[in-house]
PDB file of all heavy atoms in Angstrom:
ATOM      1  N   PRO A   1       0.790  -1.230   0.115  1.00  0.00           N
ATOM      2  CA  PRO A   1       0.019  -0.027   0.057  1.00  0.00           C
ATOM      3  C   PRO A   1       0.819   1.246   0.013  1.00  0.00           C
ATOM      4  O   PRO A   1       0.423   2.348  -0.470  1.00  0.00           O
ATOM      5  CB  PRO A   1      -0.920  -0.111   1.275  1.00  0.00           C
ATOM      6  CG  PRO A   1      -0.903  -1.595   1.482  1.00  0.00           C
ATOM      7  CD  PRO A   1       0.387  -2.222   1.020  1.00  0.00           C
ATOM      8  N   THR A   2       2.084   1.230   0.469  1.00  0.00           N
ATOM      9  CA  THR A   2       2.873   2.394   0.666  1.00  0.00           C
ATOM     10  C   THR A   2       4.201   2.446  -0.298  1.00  0.00           C
ATOM     11  O   THR A   2       4.682   3.533  -0.527  1.00  0.00           O
ATOM     12  CB  THR A   2       3.337   2.601   2.048  1.00  0.00           C
ATOM     13  OG1 THR A   2       4.081   1.503   2.485  1.00  0.00           O
ATOM     14  CG2 THR A   2       2.094   2.872   2.898  1.00  0.00           C
ATOM     15  N   GLU A   3       4.495   1.267  -0.821  1.00  0.00           N
ATOM     16  CA  GLU A   3       5.737   1.222  -1.573  1.00  0.00           C
ATOM     17  C   GLU A   3       5.547   0.449  -2.903  1.00  0.00           C
ATOM     18  O   GLU A   3       4.924  -0.548  -2.912  1.00  0.00           O
ATOM     19  CB  GLU A   3       6.941   0.567  -0.785  1.00  0.00           C
ATOM     20  CG  GLU A   3       7.341   1.288   0.402  1.00  0.00           C
ATOM     21  CD  GLU A   3       8.086   2.539   0.147  1.00  0.00           C
ATOM     22  OE1 GLU A   3       8.563   2.699  -0.970  1.00  0.00           O
ATOM     23  OE2 GLU A   3       7.933   3.469   0.920  1.00  0.00           O
ATOM     24  N   PRO A   4       6.081   0.899  -4.060  1.00  0.00           N
ATOM     25  CA  PRO A   4       6.803   2.217  -4.207  1.00  0.00           C
ATOM     26  C   PRO A   4       5.733   3.395  -4.061  1.00  0.00           C
ATOM     27  O   PRO A   4       4.674   3.219  -4.494  1.00  0.00           O
ATOM     28  CB  PRO A   4       7.293   2.213  -5.564  1.00  0.00           C
ATOM     29  CG  PRO A   4       7.207   0.752  -6.144  1.00  0.00           C
ATOM     30  CD  PRO A   4       6.129   0.171  -5.326  1.00  0.00           C
ATOM     31  N   ALA A   5       6.111   4.514  -3.541  1.00  0.00           N
ATOM     32  CA  ALA A   5       5.253   5.640  -3.220  1.00  0.00           C
ATOM     33  C   ALA A   5       4.772   6.344  -4.558  1.00  0.00           C
ATOM     34  O   ALA A   5       3.607   6.614  -4.622  1.00  0.00           O
ATOM     35  CB  ALA A   5       5.878   6.553  -2.296  1.00  0.00           C
ATOM     36  N   ASN A   6       5.764   6.562  -5.413  1.00  0.00           N
ATOM     37  CA  ASN A   6       5.452   7.246  -6.670  1.00  0.00           C
ATOM     38  C   ASN A   6       5.447   6.202  -7.769  1.00  0.00           C
ATOM     39  O   ASN A   6       6.464   5.700  -8.160  1.00  0.00           O
ATOM     40  CB  ASN A   6       6.432   8.329  -7.036  1.00  0.00           C
ATOM     41  CG  ASN A   6       6.428   9.406  -5.985  1.00  0.00           C
ATOM     42  OD1 ASN A   6       5.279   9.827  -5.598  1.00  0.00           O
ATOM     43  ND2 ASN A   6       7.605   9.937  -5.634  1.00  0.00           N
ATOM     44  N   LEU A   7       4.298   5.794  -8.249  1.00  0.00           N
ATOM     45  CA  LEU A   7       4.137   4.641  -9.127  1.00  0.00           C
ATOM     46  C   LEU A   7       3.063   4.985 -10.220  1.00  0.00           C
ATOM     47  O   LEU A   7       1.980   5.336  -9.922  1.00  0.00           O
ATOM     48  CB  LEU A   7       3.769   3.351  -8.476  1.00  0.00           C
ATOM     49  CG  LEU A   7       3.438   2.131  -9.369  1.00  0.00           C
ATOM     50  CD1 LEU A   7       4.695   1.799 -10.193  1.00  0.00           C
ATOM     51  CD2 LEU A   7       3.028   0.928  -8.432  1.00  0.00           C
ATOM     52  N   LEU A   8       3.489   4.880 -11.493  1.00  0.00           N
ATOM     53  CA  LEU A   8       2.635   4.942 -12.588  1.00  0.00           C
ATOM     54  C   LEU A   8       2.455   3.534 -13.294  1.00  0.00           C
ATOM     55  O   LEU A   8       3.594   2.987 -13.692  1.00  0.00           O
ATOM     56  CB  LEU A   8       3.047   5.907 -13.636  1.00  0.00           C
ATOM     57  CG  LEU A   8       2.404   5.995 -15.076  1.00  0.00           C
ATOM     58  CD1 LEU A   8       0.859   6.335 -14.746  1.00  0.00           C
ATOM     59  CD2 LEU A   8       3.083   6.940 -16.007  1.00  0.00           C
ATOM     60  N   ALA A   9       1.335   2.954 -13.309  1.00  0.00           N
ATOM     61  CA  ALA A   9       1.106   1.607 -14.100  1.00  0.00           C
ATOM     62  C   ALA A   9       0.358   1.795 -15.357  1.00  0.00           C
ATOM     63  O   ALA A   9      -0.730   2.447 -15.230  1.00  0.00           O
ATOM     64  CB  ALA A   9       0.382   0.672 -13.043  1.00  0.00           C
ATOM     65  N   ILE A  10       0.902   1.264 -16.373  1.00  0.00           N
ATOM     66  CA  ILE A  10       0.272   1.477 -17.765  1.00  0.00           C
ATOM     67  C   ILE A  10       0.030   0.061 -18.282  1.00  0.00           C
ATOM     68  O   ILE A  10       0.852  -0.895 -18.177  1.00  0.00           O
ATOM     69  CB  ILE A  10       1.280   2.190 -18.647  1.00  0.00           C
ATOM     70  CG1 ILE A  10       1.571   3.600 -18.054  1.00  0.00           C
ATOM     71  CG2 ILE A  10       0.555   2.344 -20.039  1.00  0.00           C
ATOM     72  CD1 ILE A  10       2.582   4.362 -18.895  1.00  0.00           C
ATOM     73  N   VAL A  11      -1.079  -0.082 -19.004  1.00  0.00           N
ATOM     74  CA  VAL A  11      -1.419  -1.379 -19.543  1.00  0.00           C
ATOM     75  C   VAL A  11      -2.134  -1.056 -20.951  1.00  0.00           C
ATOM     76  O   VAL A  11      -2.871  -0.093 -21.094  1.00  0.00           O
ATOM     77  CB  VAL A  11      -2.212  -2.202 -18.672  1.00  0.00           C
ATOM     78  CG1 VAL A  11      -3.638  -1.652 -18.540  1.00  0.00           C
ATOM     79  CG2 VAL A  11      -2.412  -3.661 -19.139  1.00  0.00           C
ATOM     80  N   GLY A  12      -2.003  -1.899 -21.852  1.00  0.00           N
ATOM     81  CA  GLY A  12      -2.657  -1.798 -23.186  1.00  0.00           C
ATOM     82  C   GLY A  12      -4.053  -2.251 -23.145  1.00  0.00           C
ATOM     83  O   GLY A  12      -4.453  -3.251 -22.418  1.00  0.00           O
ATOM     84  N   ALA A  13      -5.074  -1.583 -23.819  1.00  0.00           N
ATOM     85  CA  ALA A  13      -6.335  -1.997 -23.780  1.00  0.00           C
ATOM     86  C   ALA A  13      -6.666  -3.251 -24.355  1.00  0.00           C
ATOM     87  O   ALA A  13      -7.753  -3.933 -23.931  1.00  0.00           O
ATOM     88  CB  ALA A  13      -7.294  -0.939 -24.570  1.00  0.00           C
ATOM     89  N   TRP A  14      -5.819  -3.781 -25.232  1.00  0.00           N
ATOM     90  CA  TRP A  14      -5.990  -5.047 -25.781  1.00  0.00           C
ATOM     91  C   TRP A  14      -5.097  -6.143 -25.156  1.00  0.00           C
ATOM     92  O   TRP A  14      -5.060  -7.267 -25.669  1.00  0.00           O
ATOM     93  CB  TRP A  14      -5.598  -5.021 -27.192  1.00  0.00           C
ATOM     94  CG  TRP A  14      -6.511  -4.175 -28.145  1.00  0.00           C
ATOM     95  CD1 TRP A  14      -7.709  -3.617 -27.756  1.00  0.00           C
ATOM     96  CD2 TRP A  14      -6.419  -3.739 -29.518  1.00  0.00           C
ATOM     97  NE1 TRP A  14      -8.347  -2.961 -28.720  1.00  0.00           N
ATOM     98  CE2 TRP A  14      -7.522  -2.981 -29.809  1.00  0.00           C
ATOM     99  CE3 TRP A  14      -5.455  -4.031 -30.444  1.00  0.00           C
ATOM    100  CZ2 TRP A  14      -7.720  -2.378 -31.019  1.00  0.00           C
ATOM    101  CZ3 TRP A  14      -5.597  -3.429 -31.691  1.00  0.00           C
ATOM    102  CH2 TRP A  14      -6.645  -2.663 -32.065  1.00  0.00           C
ATOM    103  N   GLU A  15      -4.504  -5.905 -24.086  1.00  0.00           N
ATOM    104  CA  GLU A  15      -3.732  -6.866 -23.273  1.00  0.00           C
ATOM    105  C   GLU A  15      -4.650  -7.687 -22.461  1.00  0.00           C
ATOM    106  O   GLU A  15      -5.808  -7.384 -22.303  1.00  0.00           O
ATOM    107  CB  GLU A  15      -2.766  -6.193 -22.330  1.00  0.00           C
ATOM    108  CG  GLU A  15      -1.652  -5.413 -23.122  1.00  0.00           C
ATOM    109  CD  GLU A  15      -0.394  -5.200 -22.206  1.00  0.00           C
ATOM    110  OE1 GLU A  15       0.242  -6.175 -22.012  1.00  0.00           O
ATOM    111  OE2 GLU A  15      -0.133  -3.999 -22.025  1.00  0.00           O
ATOM    112  N   PRO A  16      -4.185  -8.814 -22.003  1.00  0.00           N
ATOM    113  CA  PRO A  16      -4.962  -9.885 -21.271  1.00  0.00           C
ATOM    114  C   PRO A  16      -5.653  -9.164 -20.013  1.00  0.00           C
ATOM    115  O   PRO A  16      -5.045  -8.213 -19.417  1.00  0.00           O
ATOM    116  CB  PRO A  16      -4.062 -10.943 -20.828  1.00  0.00           C
ATOM    117  CG  PRO A  16      -2.985 -10.856 -21.873  1.00  0.00           C
ATOM    118  CD  PRO A  16      -2.849  -9.413 -22.234  1.00  0.00           C
ATOM    119  N   PRO A  17      -6.962  -9.502 -19.686  1.00  0.00           N
ATOM    120  CA  PRO A  17      -7.559  -8.996 -18.534  1.00  0.00           C
ATOM    121  C   PRO A  17      -6.832  -9.044 -17.303  1.00  0.00           C
ATOM    122  O   PRO A  17      -6.914  -8.182 -16.365  1.00  0.00           O
ATOM    123  CB  PRO A  17      -8.857  -9.813 -18.415  1.00  0.00           C
ATOM    124  CG  PRO A  17      -9.088 -10.206 -19.890  1.00  0.00           C
ATOM    125  CD  PRO A  17      -7.793 -10.451 -20.400  1.00  0.00           C
ATOM    126  N   ILE A  18      -6.014 -10.080 -17.069  1.00  0.00           N
ATOM    127  CA  ILE A  18      -5.121 -10.239 -15.894  1.00  0.00           C
ATOM    128  C   ILE A  18      -4.193  -9.132 -15.678  1.00  0.00           C
ATOM    129  O   ILE A  18      -4.081  -8.647 -14.527  1.00  0.00           O
ATOM    130  CB  ILE A  18      -4.475 -11.623 -15.893  1.00  0.00           C
ATOM    131  CG1 ILE A  18      -3.809 -11.875 -14.561  1.00  0.00           C
ATOM    132  CG2 ILE A  18      -3.434 -11.629 -17.006  1.00  0.00           C
ATOM    133  CD1 ILE A  18      -3.249 -13.225 -14.412  1.00  0.00           C
ATOM    134  N   LEU A  19      -3.688  -8.598 -16.846  1.00  0.00           N
ATOM    135  CA  LEU A  19      -2.779  -7.416 -16.624  1.00  0.00           C
ATOM    136  C   LEU A  19      -3.571  -6.099 -16.377  1.00  0.00           C
ATOM    137  O   LEU A  19      -3.120  -5.261 -15.622  1.00  0.00           O
ATOM    138  CB  LEU A  19      -2.009  -7.290 -17.982  1.00  0.00           C
ATOM    139  CG  LEU A  19      -0.902  -8.323 -18.148  1.00  0.00           C
ATOM    140  CD1 LEU A  19      -0.223  -8.129 -19.483  1.00  0.00           C
ATOM    141  CD2 LEU A  19       0.103  -8.498 -17.079  1.00  0.00           C
ATOM    142  N   GLN A  20      -4.745  -6.103 -17.095  1.00  0.00           N
ATOM    143  CA  GLN A  20      -5.522  -4.823 -16.704  1.00  0.00           C
ATOM    144  C   GLN A  20      -6.037  -4.790 -15.277  1.00  0.00           C
ATOM    145  O   GLN A  20      -6.076  -3.699 -14.571  1.00  0.00           O
ATOM    146  CB  GLN A  20      -6.684  -4.791 -17.774  1.00  0.00           C
ATOM    147  CG  GLN A  20      -6.255  -4.679 -19.178  1.00  0.00           C
ATOM    148  CD  GLN A  20      -7.354  -4.443 -20.122  1.00  0.00           C
ATOM    149  OE1 GLN A  20      -8.400  -3.695 -19.808  1.00  0.00           O
ATOM    150  NE2 GLN A  20      -7.363  -5.130 -21.265  1.00  0.00           N
ATOM    151  N   ASN A  21      -6.406  -5.933 -14.800  1.00  0.00           N
ATOM    152  CA  ASN A  21      -6.868  -6.052 -13.434  1.00  0.00           C
ATOM    153  C   ASN A  21      -5.741  -5.709 -12.448  1.00  0.00           C
ATOM    154  O   ASN A  21      -6.021  -5.202 -11.334  1.00  0.00           O
ATOM    155  CB  ASN A  21      -7.459  -7.404 -13.121  1.00  0.00           C
ATOM    156  CG  ASN A  21      -8.681  -7.733 -13.907  1.00  0.00           C
ATOM    157  OD1 ASN A  21      -9.466  -6.927 -14.340  1.00  0.00           O
ATOM    158  ND2 ASN A  21      -8.938  -9.027 -14.130  1.00  0.00           N
ATOM    159  N   GLU A  22      -4.577  -6.107 -12.884  1.00  0.00           N
ATOM    160  CA  GLU A  22      -3.439  -5.757 -11.976  1.00  0.00           C
ATOM    161  C   GLU A  22      -3.161  -4.290 -11.795  1.00  0.00           C
ATOM    162  O   GLU A  22      -2.898  -3.764 -10.644  1.00  0.00           O
ATOM    163  CB  GLU A  22      -2.102  -6.480 -12.542  1.00  0.00           C
ATOM    164  CG  GLU A  22      -0.942  -6.326 -11.684  1.00  0.00           C
ATOM    165  CD  GLU A  22      -1.039  -7.167 -10.321  1.00  0.00           C
ATOM    166  OE1 GLU A  22      -2.069  -7.811 -10.124  1.00  0.00           O
ATOM    167  OE2 GLU A  22      -0.016  -7.136  -9.657  1.00  0.00           O
ATOM    168  N   VAL A  23      -3.329  -3.454 -12.815  1.00  0.00           N
ATOM    169  CA  VAL A  23      -3.253  -2.090 -12.718  1.00  0.00           C
ATOM    170  C   VAL A  23      -4.319  -1.579 -11.764  1.00  0.00           C
ATOM    171  O   VAL A  23      -3.976  -0.674 -10.912  1.00  0.00           O
ATOM    172  CB  VAL A  23      -3.374  -1.401 -14.166  1.00  0.00           C
ATOM    173  CG1 VAL A  23      -3.468   0.115 -13.959  1.00  0.00           C
ATOM    174  CG2 VAL A  23      -2.154  -1.788 -15.033  1.00  0.00           C
ATOM    175  N   ALA A  24      -5.516  -2.005 -11.985  1.00  0.00           N
ATOM    176  CA  ALA A  24      -6.645  -1.599 -10.973  1.00  0.00           C
ATOM    177  C   ALA A  24      -6.333  -1.965  -9.542  1.00  0.00           C
ATOM    178  O   ALA A  24      -6.632  -1.109  -8.665  1.00  0.00           O
ATOM    179  CB  ALA A  24      -7.939  -2.192 -11.523  1.00  0.00           C
ATOM    180  N   ARG A  25      -5.770  -3.138  -9.457  1.00  0.00           N
ATOM    181  CA  ARG A  25      -5.458  -3.550  -7.982  1.00  0.00           C
ATOM    182  C   ARG A  25      -4.387  -2.733  -7.340  1.00  0.00           C
ATOM    183  O   ARG A  25      -4.490  -2.302  -6.212  1.00  0.00           O
ATOM    184  CB  ARG A  25      -4.975  -4.999  -8.038  1.00  0.00           C
ATOM    185  CG  ARG A  25      -4.631  -5.677  -6.625  1.00  0.00           C
ATOM    186  CD  ARG A  25      -4.054  -7.010  -6.722  1.00  0.00           C
ATOM    187  NE  ARG A  25      -2.637  -6.814  -7.182  1.00  0.00           N
ATOM    188  CZ  ARG A  25      -1.631  -6.587  -6.329  1.00  0.00           C
ATOM    189  NH1 ARG A  25      -1.895  -6.467  -5.008  1.00  0.00           N
ATOM    190  NH2 ARG A  25      -0.375  -6.500  -6.747  1.00  0.00           N
ATOM    191  N   ILE A  26      -3.335  -2.421  -8.188  1.00  0.00           N
ATOM    192  CA  ILE A  26      -2.302  -1.556  -7.718  1.00  0.00           C
ATOM    193  C   ILE A  26      -2.676  -0.206  -7.129  1.00  0.00           C
ATOM    194  O   ILE A  26      -2.366   0.315  -6.162  1.00  0.00           O
ATOM    195  CB  ILE A  26      -1.127  -1.439  -8.742  1.00  0.00           C
ATOM    196  CG1 ILE A  26      -0.458  -2.692  -8.908  1.00  0.00           C
ATOM    197  CG2 ILE A  26      -0.148  -0.316  -8.336  1.00  0.00           C
ATOM    198  CD1 ILE A  26       0.519  -2.724 -10.113  1.00  0.00           C
ATOM    199  N   ILE A  27      -3.654   0.472  -8.034  1.00  0.00           N
ATOM    200  CA  ILE A  27      -4.169   1.786  -7.797  1.00  0.00           C
ATOM    201  C   ILE A  27      -5.074   1.698  -6.490  1.00  0.00           C
ATOM    202  O   ILE A  27      -4.991   2.508  -5.592  1.00  0.00           O
ATOM    203  CB  ILE A  27      -4.869   2.274  -8.935  1.00  0.00           C
ATOM    204  CG1 ILE A  27      -3.909   2.421 -10.197  1.00  0.00           C
ATOM    205  CG2 ILE A  27      -5.408   3.744  -8.518  1.00  0.00           C
ATOM    206  CD1 ILE A  27      -2.675   3.178  -9.887  1.00  0.00           C
ATOM    207  N   ALA A  28      -5.981   0.727  -6.512  1.00  0.00           N
ATOM    208  CA  ALA A  28      -6.817   0.538  -5.302  1.00  0.00           C
ATOM    209  C   ALA A  28      -6.111   0.192  -4.022  1.00  0.00           C
ATOM    210  O   ALA A  28      -6.606   0.557  -2.950  1.00  0.00           O
ATOM    211  CB  ALA A  28      -7.828  -0.622  -5.592  1.00  0.00           C
ATOM    212  N   LEU A  29      -4.969  -0.445  -4.149  1.00  0.00           N
ATOM    213  CA  LEU A  29      -4.202  -0.741  -2.971  1.00  0.00           C
ATOM    214  C   LEU A  29      -3.473   0.453  -2.247  1.00  0.00           C
ATOM    215  O   LEU A  29      -3.091   0.401  -1.104  1.00  0.00           O
ATOM    216  CB  LEU A  29      -3.149  -1.815  -3.296  1.00  0.00           C
ATOM    217  CG  LEU A  29      -2.244  -2.510  -2.262  1.00  0.00           C
ATOM    218  CD1 LEU A  29      -3.151  -3.406  -1.372  1.00  0.00           C
ATOM    219  CD2 LEU A  29      -1.177  -3.301  -2.937  1.00  0.00           C
ATOM    220  N   ALA A  30      -3.326   1.385  -2.917  1.00  0.00           N
ATOM    221  CA  ALA A  30      -2.511   2.661  -2.541  1.00  0.00           C
ATOM    222  C   ALA A  30      -3.068   3.165  -1.154  1.00  0.00           C
ATOM    223  O   ALA A  30      -4.301   3.431  -1.041  1.00  0.00           O
ATOM    224  CB  ALA A  30      -2.475   3.682  -3.456  1.00  0.00           C
ATOM    225  N   ALA A  31      -2.153   3.489  -0.163  1.00  0.00           N
ATOM    226  CA  ALA A  31      -2.548   4.031   0.985  1.00  0.00           C
ATOM    227  C   ALA A  31      -2.565   5.559   0.873  1.00  0.00           C
ATOM    228  O   ALA A  31      -1.815   6.087  -0.103  1.00  0.00           O
ATOM    229  CB  ALA A  31      -1.455   3.603   2.083  1.00  0.00           C
TER     230      ALA A  31
END
């Protein structure tokens, strides 16, 4: 939730859902 503090996660719209879900998880996890 706190590390890395400054993080930009990018994914392609045509990439597998597992990678798109990972970006959403990383952002939702942020403290």
